[in-house]
PDB file of N, CA and C in Angstrom:
ATOM      1  N   MET A   1      21.440  97.408 143.768  1.00  0.00           N
ATOM      2  CA  MET A   1      22.260  96.224 143.648  1.00  0.00           C
ATOM      3  C   MET A   1      23.437  96.317 144.628  1.00  0.00           C
ATOM      4  N   LYS A   2      23.779  95.212 145.226  1.00  0.00           N
ATOM      5  CA  LYS A   2      24.893  95.116 146.173  1.00  0.00           C
ATOM      6  C   LYS A   2      24.720  96.049 147.370  1.00  0.00           C
ATOM      7  N   THR A   3      23.487  96.078 147.923  1.00  0.00           N
ATOM      8  CA  THR A   3      23.227  96.900 149.097  1.00  0.00           C
ATOM      9  C   THR A   3      22.200  96.209 149.992  1.00  0.00           C
ATOM     10  N   LEU A   4      22.305  96.434 151.287  1.00  0.00           N
ATOM     11  CA  LEU A   4      21.296  95.934 152.208  1.00  0.00           C
ATOM     12  C   LEU A   4      20.199  96.971 152.423  1.00  0.00           C
ATOM     13  N   ASN A   5      20.258  98.068 151.668  1.00  0.00           N
ATOM     14  CA  ASN A   5      19.229  99.101 151.696  1.00  0.00           C
ATOM     15  C   ASN A   5      18.669  99.286 150.292  1.00  0.00           C
ATOM     16  N   PRO A   6      17.934  98.291 149.791  1.00  0.00           N
ATOM     17  CA  PRO A   6      17.451  98.364 148.410  1.00  0.00           C
ATOM     18  C   PRO A   6      16.354  99.407 148.235  1.00  0.00           C
ATOM     19  N   TYR A   7      16.214  99.869 147.017  1.00  0.00           N
ATOM     20  CA  TYR A   7      15.210 100.844 146.638  1.00  0.00           C
ATOM     21  C   TYR A   7      14.422 100.227 145.488  1.00  0.00           C
ATOM     22  N   TYR A   8      13.144 100.030 145.674  1.00  0.00           N
ATOM     23  CA  TYR A   8      12.309  99.418 144.643  1.00  0.00           C
ATOM     24  C   TYR A   8      11.248 100.415 144.222  1.00  0.00           C
ATOM     25  N   ASN A   9      10.934 100.415 142.955  1.00  0.00           N
ATOM     26  CA  ASN A   9       9.841 101.227 142.437  1.00  0.00           C
ATOM     27  C   ASN A   9       8.944 100.294 141.645  1.00  0.00           C
ATOM     28  N   GLU A  10       8.206  99.460 142.353  1.00  0.00           N
ATOM     29  CA  GLU A  10       7.374  98.428 141.740  1.00  0.00           C
ATOM     30  C   GLU A  10       5.912  98.677 142.068  1.00  0.00           C
ATOM     31  N   SER A  11       5.054  98.173 141.241  1.00  0.00           N
ATOM     32  CA  SER A  11       3.624  98.206 141.544  1.00  0.00           C
ATOM     33  C   SER A  11       3.053  96.814 141.352  1.00  0.00           C
ATOM     34  N   PHE A  12       2.025  96.507 142.132  1.00  0.00           N
ATOM     35  CA  PHE A  12       1.382  95.204 142.079  1.00  0.00           C
ATOM     36  C   PHE A  12      -0.119  95.408 141.965  1.00  0.00           C
ATOM     37  N   SER A  13      -0.768  94.521 141.254  1.00  0.00           N
ATOM     38  CA  SER A  13      -2.215  94.593 141.098  1.00  0.00           C
ATOM     39  C   SER A  13      -2.792  93.205 141.343  1.00  0.00           C
ATOM     40  N   PHE A  14      -3.822  93.139 142.189  1.00  0.00           N
ATOM     41  CA  PHE A  14      -4.470  91.879 142.511  1.00  0.00           C
ATOM     42  C   PHE A  14      -5.971  92.055 142.376  1.00  0.00           C
ATOM     43  N   ASP A  15      -6.639  91.015 141.922  1.00  0.00           N
ATOM     44  CA  ASP A  15      -8.078  91.032 141.808  1.00  0.00           C
ATOM     45  C   ASP A  15      -8.649  90.160 142.922  1.00  0.00           C
ATOM     46  N   VAL A  16      -9.289  90.801 143.913  1.00  0.00           N
ATOM     47  CA  VAL A  16      -9.833  90.097 145.069  1.00  0.00           C
ATOM     48  C   VAL A  16     -11.315  90.448 145.170  1.00  0.00           C
ATOM     49  N   THR A  17     -12.136  89.445 145.361  1.00  0.00           N
ATOM     50  CA  THR A  17     -13.570  89.688 145.470  1.00  0.00           C
ATOM     51  C   THR A  17     -13.884  90.472 146.747  1.00  0.00           C
ATOM     52  N   PRO A  18     -14.929  91.302 146.721  1.00  0.00           N
ATOM     53  CA  PRO A  18     -15.267  92.109 147.909  1.00  0.00           C
ATOM     54  C   PRO A  18     -15.486  91.282 149.174  1.00  0.00           C
ATOM     55  N   GLU A  19     -16.075  90.105 149.045  1.00  0.00           N
ATOM     56  CA  GLU A  19     -16.324  89.297 150.245  1.00  0.00           C
ATOM     57  C   GLU A  19     -15.039  88.748 150.869  1.00  0.00           C
ATOM     58  N   LYS A  20     -13.954  88.699 150.130  1.00  0.00           N
ATOM     59  CA  LYS A  20     -12.683  88.208 150.671  1.00  0.00           C
ATOM     60  C   LYS A  20     -11.769  89.321 151.185  1.00  0.00           C
ATOM     61  N   MET A  21     -12.114  90.568 150.929  1.00  0.00           N
ATOM     62  CA  MET A  21     -11.227  91.685 151.272  1.00  0.00           C
ATOM     63  C   MET A  21     -10.903  91.780 152.766  1.00  0.00           C
ATOM     64  N   GLN A  22     -11.817  91.419 153.631  1.00  0.00           N
ATOM     65  CA  GLN A  22     -11.559  91.508 155.071  1.00  0.00           C
ATOM     66  C   GLN A  22     -10.735  90.343 155.595  1.00  0.00           C
ATOM     67  N   ARG A  23     -10.512  89.322 154.755  1.00  0.00           N
ATOM     68  CA  ARG A  23      -9.771  88.135 155.208  1.00  0.00           C
ATOM     69  C   ARG A  23      -8.389  88.012 154.589  1.00  0.00           C
ATOM     70  N   VAL A  24      -8.015  88.891 153.684  1.00  0.00           N
ATOM     71  CA  VAL A  24      -6.729  88.757 153.009  1.00  0.00           C
ATOM     72  C   VAL A  24      -5.748  89.819 153.492  1.00  0.00           C
ATOM     73  N   HIS A  25      -4.481  89.538 153.318  1.00  0.00           N
ATOM     74  CA  HIS A  25      -3.429  90.522 153.528  1.00  0.00           C
ATOM     75  C   HIS A  25      -2.283  90.195 152.577  1.00  0.00           C
ATOM     76  N   LEU A  26      -1.437  91.147 152.370  1.00  0.00           N
ATOM     77  CA  LEU A  26      -0.280  90.989 151.502  1.00  0.00           C
ATOM     78  C   LEU A  26       0.963  91.011 152.378  1.00  0.00           C
ATOM     79  N   HIS A  27       1.748  89.958 152.306  1.00  0.00           N
ATOM     80  CA  HIS A  27       2.970  89.830 153.103  1.00  0.00           C
ATOM     81  C   HIS A  27       4.127  89.737 152.119  1.00  0.00           C
ATOM     82  N   ILE A  28       4.955  90.773 152.085  1.00  0.00           N
ATOM     83  CA  ILE A  28       6.093  90.829 151.164  1.00  0.00           C
ATOM     84  C   ILE A  28       7.368  90.673 151.981  1.00  0.00           C
ATOM     85  N   THR A  29       8.176  89.697 151.617  1.00  0.00           N
ATOM     86  CA  THR A  29       9.474  89.488 152.257  1.00  0.00           C
ATOM     87  C   THR A  29      10.557  89.741 151.219  1.00  0.00           C
ATOM     88  N   VAL A  30      11.549  90.536 151.587  1.00  0.00           N
ATOM     89  CA  VAL A  30      12.650  90.867 150.684  1.00  0.00           C
ATOM     90  C   VAL A  30      13.897  90.119 151.150  1.00  0.00           C
ATOM     91  N   SER A  31      14.529  89.431 150.215  1.00  0.00           N
ATOM     92  CA  SER A  31      15.743  88.672 150.517  1.00  0.00           C
ATOM     93  C   SER A  31      16.861  89.122 149.593  1.00  0.00           C
ATOM     94  N   ASP A  32      18.096  89.057 150.097  1.00  0.00           N
ATOM     95  CA  ASP A  32      19.218  89.308 149.199  1.00  0.00           C
ATOM     96  C   ASP A  32      19.583  87.986 148.532  1.00  0.00           C
ATOM     97  N   TYR A  33      20.162  88.079 147.370  1.00  0.00           N
ATOM     98  CA  TYR A  33      20.526  86.896 146.599  1.00  0.00           C
ATOM     99  C   TYR A  33      22.033  86.696 146.693  1.00  0.00           C
ATOM    100  N   ASP A  34      22.442  85.514 147.088  1.00  0.00           N
ATOM    101  CA  ASP A  34      23.852  85.165 147.154  1.00  0.00           C
ATOM    102  C   ASP A  34      24.119  83.982 146.233  1.00  0.00           C
ATOM    103  N   ARG A  35      25.130  84.100 145.416  1.00  0.00           N
ATOM    104  CA  ARG A  35      25.492  82.971 144.549  1.00  0.00           C
ATOM    105  C   ARG A  35      26.105  81.844 145.363  1.00  0.00           C
ATOM    106  N   VAL A  36      26.805  82.221 146.424  1.00  0.00           N
ATOM    107  CA  VAL A  36      27.421  81.237 147.307  1.00  0.00           C
ATOM    108  C   VAL A  36      26.807  81.441 148.693  1.00  0.00           C
ATOM    109  N   GLY A  37      26.405  80.382 149.323  1.00  0.00           N
ATOM    110  CA  GLY A  37      25.804  80.501 150.646  1.00  0.00           C
ATOM    111  C   GLY A  37      24.303  80.644 150.552  1.00  0.00           C
ATOM    112  N   SER A  38      23.702  81.087 151.644  1.00  0.00           N
ATOM    113  CA  SER A  38      22.242  81.194 151.672  1.00  0.00           C
ATOM    114  C   SER A  38      21.794  82.630 151.447  1.00  0.00           C
ATOM    115  N   ASN A  39      20.576  82.765 150.966  1.00  0.00           N
ATOM    116  CA  ASN A  39      19.983  84.073 150.778  1.00  0.00           C
ATOM    117  C   ASN A  39      19.456  84.566 152.123  1.00  0.00           C
ATOM    118  N   GLU A  40      19.742  85.827 152.469  1.00  0.00           N
ATOM    119  CA  GLU A  40      19.307  86.393 153.739  1.00  0.00           C
ATOM    120  C   GLU A  40      18.020  87.172 153.562  1.00  0.00           C
ATOM    121  N   ARG A  41      17.066  86.956 154.463  1.00  0.00           N
ATOM    122  CA  ARG A  41      15.876  87.799 154.476  1.00  0.00           C
ATOM    123  C   ARG A  41      16.260  89.103 155.159  1.00  0.00           C
ATOM    124  N   ILE A  42      15.999  90.232 154.486  1.00  0.00           N
ATOM    125  CA  ILE A  42      16.435  91.511 155.045  1.00  0.00           C
ATOM    126  C   ILE A  42      15.290  92.376 155.554  1.00  0.00           C
ATOM    127  N   GLY A  43      14.053  92.018 155.264  1.00  0.00           N
ATOM    128  CA  GLY A  43      12.938  92.801 155.785  1.00  0.00           C
ATOM    129  C   GLY A  43      11.620  92.368 155.191  1.00  0.00           C
ATOM    130  N   GLN A  44      10.559  92.960 155.725  1.00  0.00           N
ATOM    131  CA  GLN A  44       9.223  92.591 155.274  1.00  0.00           C
ATOM    132  C   GLN A  44       8.277  93.784 155.370  1.00  0.00           C
ATOM    133  N   VAL A  45       7.167  93.669 154.660  1.00  0.00           N
ATOM    134  CA  VAL A  45       6.061  94.617 154.740  1.00  0.00           C
ATOM    135  C   VAL A  45       4.784  93.788 154.743  1.00  0.00           C
ATOM    136  N   ILE A  46       3.872  94.117 155.633  1.00  0.00           N
ATOM    137  CA  ILE A  46       2.574  93.452 155.673  1.00  0.00           C
ATOM    138  C   ILE A  46       1.514  94.525 155.490  1.00  0.00           C
ATOM    139  N   ILE A  47       0.654  94.322 154.485  1.00  0.00           N
ATOM    140  CA  ILE A  47      -0.407  95.275 154.182  1.00  0.00           C
ATOM    141  C   ILE A  47      -1.736  94.534 154.300  1.00  0.00           C
ATOM    142  N   GLY A  48      -2.663  95.093 155.060  1.00  0.00           N
ATOM    143  CA  GLY A  48      -3.968  94.472 155.230  1.00  0.00           C
ATOM    144  C   GLY A  48      -4.669  95.021 156.456  1.00  0.00           C
ATOM    145  N   ALA A  49      -5.792  94.428 156.802  1.00  0.00           N
ATOM    146  CA  ALA A  49      -6.591  94.903 157.924  1.00  0.00           C
ATOM    147  C   ALA A  49      -5.849  94.798 159.249  1.00  0.00           C
ATOM    148  N   ASN A  50      -4.908  93.872 159.377  1.00  0.00           N
ATOM    149  CA  ASN A  50      -4.148  93.701 160.620  1.00  0.00           C
ATOM    150  C   ASN A  50      -2.847  94.484 160.636  1.00  0.00           C
ATOM    151  N   ALA A  51      -2.588  95.274 159.599  1.00  0.00           N
ATOM    152  CA  ALA A  51      -1.358  96.063 159.521  1.00  0.00           C
ATOM    153  C   ALA A  51      -1.454  97.267 160.461  1.00  0.00           C
ATOM    154  N   THR A  52      -0.361  97.987 160.580  1.00  0.00           N
ATOM    155  CA  THR A  52      -0.333  99.197 161.396  1.00  0.00           C
ATOM    156  C   THR A  52       0.324 100.315 160.604  1.00  0.00           C
ATOM    157  N   GLY A  53       0.176 101.536 161.069  1.00  0.00           N
ATOM    158  CA  GLY A  53       0.865 102.687 160.490  1.00  0.00           C
ATOM    159  C   GLY A  53       0.528 102.931 159.024  1.00  0.00           C
ATOM    160  N   VAL A  54       1.562 103.193 158.247  1.00  0.00           N
ATOM    161  CA  VAL A  54       1.423 103.531 156.831  1.00  0.00           C
ATOM    162  C   VAL A  54       0.772 102.390 156.044  1.00  0.00           C
ATOM    163  N   ALA A  55       1.100 101.156 156.383  1.00  0.00           N
ATOM    164  CA  ALA A  55       0.535 100.010 155.666  1.00  0.00           C
ATOM    165  C   ALA A  55      -0.977  99.921 155.880  1.00  0.00           C
ATOM    166  N   LEU A  56      -1.443 100.208 157.090  1.00  0.00           N
ATOM    167  CA  LEU A  56      -2.877 100.201 157.356  1.00  0.00           C
ATOM    168  C   LEU A  56      -3.566 101.363 156.648  1.00  0.00           C
ATOM    169  N   LYS A  57      -2.901 102.516 156.611  1.00  0.00           N
ATOM    170  CA  LYS A  57      -3.470 103.668 155.901  1.00  0.00           C
ATOM    171  C   LYS A  57      -3.618 103.360 154.422  1.00  0.00           C
ATOM    172  N   GLN A  58      -2.605 102.738 153.810  1.00  0.00           N
ATOM    173  CA  GLN A  58      -2.714 102.384 152.403  1.00  0.00           C
ATOM    174  C   GLN A  58      -3.860 101.401 152.187  1.00  0.00           C
ATOM    175  N   TRP A  59      -4.003 100.430 153.074  1.00  0.00           N
ATOM    176  CA  TRP A  59      -5.093  99.452 152.963  1.00  0.00           C
ATOM    177  C   TRP A  59      -6.447 100.157 153.040  1.00  0.00           C
ATOM    178  N   SER A  60      -6.600 101.067 153.987  1.00  0.00           N
ATOM    179  CA  SER A  60      -7.852 101.809 154.127  1.00  0.00           C
ATOM    180  C   SER A  60      -8.133 102.668 152.904  1.00  0.00           C
ATOM    181  N   ASP A  61      -7.107 103.349 152.395  1.00  0.00           N
ATOM    182  CA  ASP A  61      -7.262 104.166 151.188  1.00  0.00           C
ATOM    183  C   ASP A  61      -7.660 103.295 149.997  1.00  0.00           C
ATOM    184  N   MET A  62      -7.072 102.122 149.907  1.00  0.00           N
ATOM    185  CA  MET A  62      -7.374 101.210 148.811  1.00  0.00           C
ATOM    186  C   MET A  62      -8.831 100.746 148.885  1.00  0.00           C
ATOM    187  N   LEU A  63      -9.310 100.417 150.086  1.00  0.00           N
ATOM    188  CA  LEU A  63     -10.701  99.986 150.249  1.00  0.00           C
ATOM    189  C   LEU A  63     -11.673 101.124 149.940  1.00  0.00           C
ATOM    190  N   ALA A  64     -11.270 102.358 150.233  1.00  0.00           N
ATOM    191  CA  ALA A  64     -12.135 103.515 149.996  1.00  0.00           C
ATOM    192  C   ALA A  64     -12.224 103.884 148.513  1.00  0.00           C
ATOM    193  N   THR A  65     -11.243 103.469 147.717  1.00  0.00           N
ATOM    194  CA  THR A  65     -11.228 103.823 146.291  1.00  0.00           C
ATOM    195  C   THR A  65     -10.978 102.573 145.446  1.00  0.00           C
ATOM    196  N   PRO A  66     -11.971 101.669 145.381  1.00  0.00           N
ATOM    197  CA  PRO A  66     -11.780 100.428 144.616  1.00  0.00           C
ATOM    198  C   PRO A  66     -11.488 100.709 143.144  1.00  0.00           C
ATOM    199  N   ARG A  67     -10.698  99.830 142.552  1.00  0.00           N
ATOM    200  CA  ARG A  67     -10.326  99.899 141.128  1.00  0.00           C
ATOM    201  C   ARG A  67      -9.442 101.087 140.778  1.00  0.00           C
ATOM    202  N   ARG A  68      -8.861 101.738 141.790  1.00  0.00           N
ATOM    203  CA  ARG A  68      -7.920 102.828 141.544  1.00  0.00           C
ATOM    204  C   ARG A  68      -6.601 102.493 142.218  1.00  0.00           C
ATOM    205  N   SER A  69      -5.524 102.919 141.614  1.00  0.00           N
ATOM    206  CA  SER A  69      -4.204 102.689 142.205  1.00  0.00           C
ATOM    207  C   SER A  69      -4.018 103.581 143.422  1.00  0.00           C
ATOM    208  N   VAL A  70      -3.411 103.005 144.450  1.00  0.00           N
ATOM    209  CA  VAL A  70      -3.068 103.759 145.655  1.00  0.00           C
ATOM    210  C   VAL A  70      -1.577 103.549 145.890  1.00  0.00           C
ATOM    211  N   ALA A  71      -0.794 104.558 145.595  1.00  0.00           N
ATOM    212  CA  ALA A  71       0.662 104.454 145.708  1.00  0.00           C
ATOM    213  C   ALA A  71       1.117 104.779 147.126  1.00  0.00           C
ATOM    214  N   GLN A  72       2.129 104.052 147.590  1.00  0.00           N
ATOM    215  CA  GLN A  72       2.670 104.289 148.924  1.00  0.00           C
ATOM    216  C   GLN A  72       4.075 103.707 149.017  1.00  0.00           C
ATOM    217  N   TRP A  73       5.014 104.468 149.550  1.00  0.00           N
ATOM    218  CA  TRP A  73       6.345 103.949 149.835  1.00  0.00           C
ATOM    219  C   TRP A  73       6.306 103.257 151.186  1.00  0.00           C
ATOM    220  N   HIS A  74       7.006 102.134 151.295  1.00  0.00           N
ATOM    221  CA  HIS A  74       7.062 101.392 152.555  1.00  0.00           C
ATOM    222  C   HIS A  74       8.512 101.172 152.955  1.00  0.00           C
ATOM    223  N   THR A  75       8.766 101.266 154.231  1.00  0.00           N
ATOM    224  CA  THR A  75      10.070 100.933 154.786  1.00  0.00           C
ATOM    225  C   THR A  75      10.006  99.492 155.257  1.00  0.00           C
ATOM    226  N   LEU A  76      11.046  98.724 154.927  1.00  0.00           N
ATOM    227  CA  LEU A  76      11.079  97.325 155.358  1.00  0.00           C
ATOM    228  C   LEU A  76      11.164  97.242 156.882  1.00  0.00           C
ATOM    229  N   LEU A  77      10.378  96.340 157.439  1.00  0.00           N
ATOM    230  CA  LEU A  77      10.411  96.097 158.883  1.00  0.00           C
ATOM    231  C   LEU A  77      11.229  94.851 159.156  1.00  0.00           C
ATOM    232  N   PRO A  78      11.816  94.764 160.343  1.00  0.00           N
ATOM    233  CA  PRO A  78      12.591  93.552 160.666  1.00  0.00           C
ATOM    234  C   PRO A  78      11.712  92.311 160.650  1.00  0.00           C
ATOM    235  N   ILE A  79      12.319  91.200 160.352  1.00  0.00           N
ATOM    236  CA  ILE A  79      11.620  89.927 160.349  1.00  0.00           C
ATOM    237  C   ILE A  79      11.764  89.283 161.711  1.00  0.00           C
ATOM    238  N   ALA A  80      10.640  88.958 162.326  1.00  0.00           N
ATOM    239  CA  ALA A  80      10.664  88.306 163.641  1.00  0.00           C
ATOM    240  C   ALA A  80      11.110  86.862 163.451  1.00  0.00           C
ATOM    241  N   GLU A  81      12.154  86.481 164.152  1.00  0.00           N
ATOM    242  CA  GLU A  81      12.649  85.107 164.084  1.00  0.00           C
ATOM    243  C   GLU A  81      11.826  84.241 165.029  1.00  0.00           C
ATOM    244  N   ASP A  82      11.396  83.087 164.545  1.00  0.00           N
ATOM    245  CA  ASP A  82      10.571  82.171 165.352  1.00  0.00           C
ATOM    246  C   ASP A  82      11.405  81.385 166.309  1.00  0.00           C
TER     247      ASP A  82
END
């Protein structure tokens, strides 16, 4: 709380059919909450076949062990401004 370097210990579970696994990805955007003004996006993580590094490794591990949890810590990456 009250930091631009948040620490989360969350888990997510999704049910995706095998035929859709090669077409999906998970895009998580983290924003800070401001009561006054706008909420700032502070980082993102993308997990899926098009990911790189640790996120791609987690995706590969997940595909190799269906129906089992695959835990992985992720560092937020900068958000590319359009």
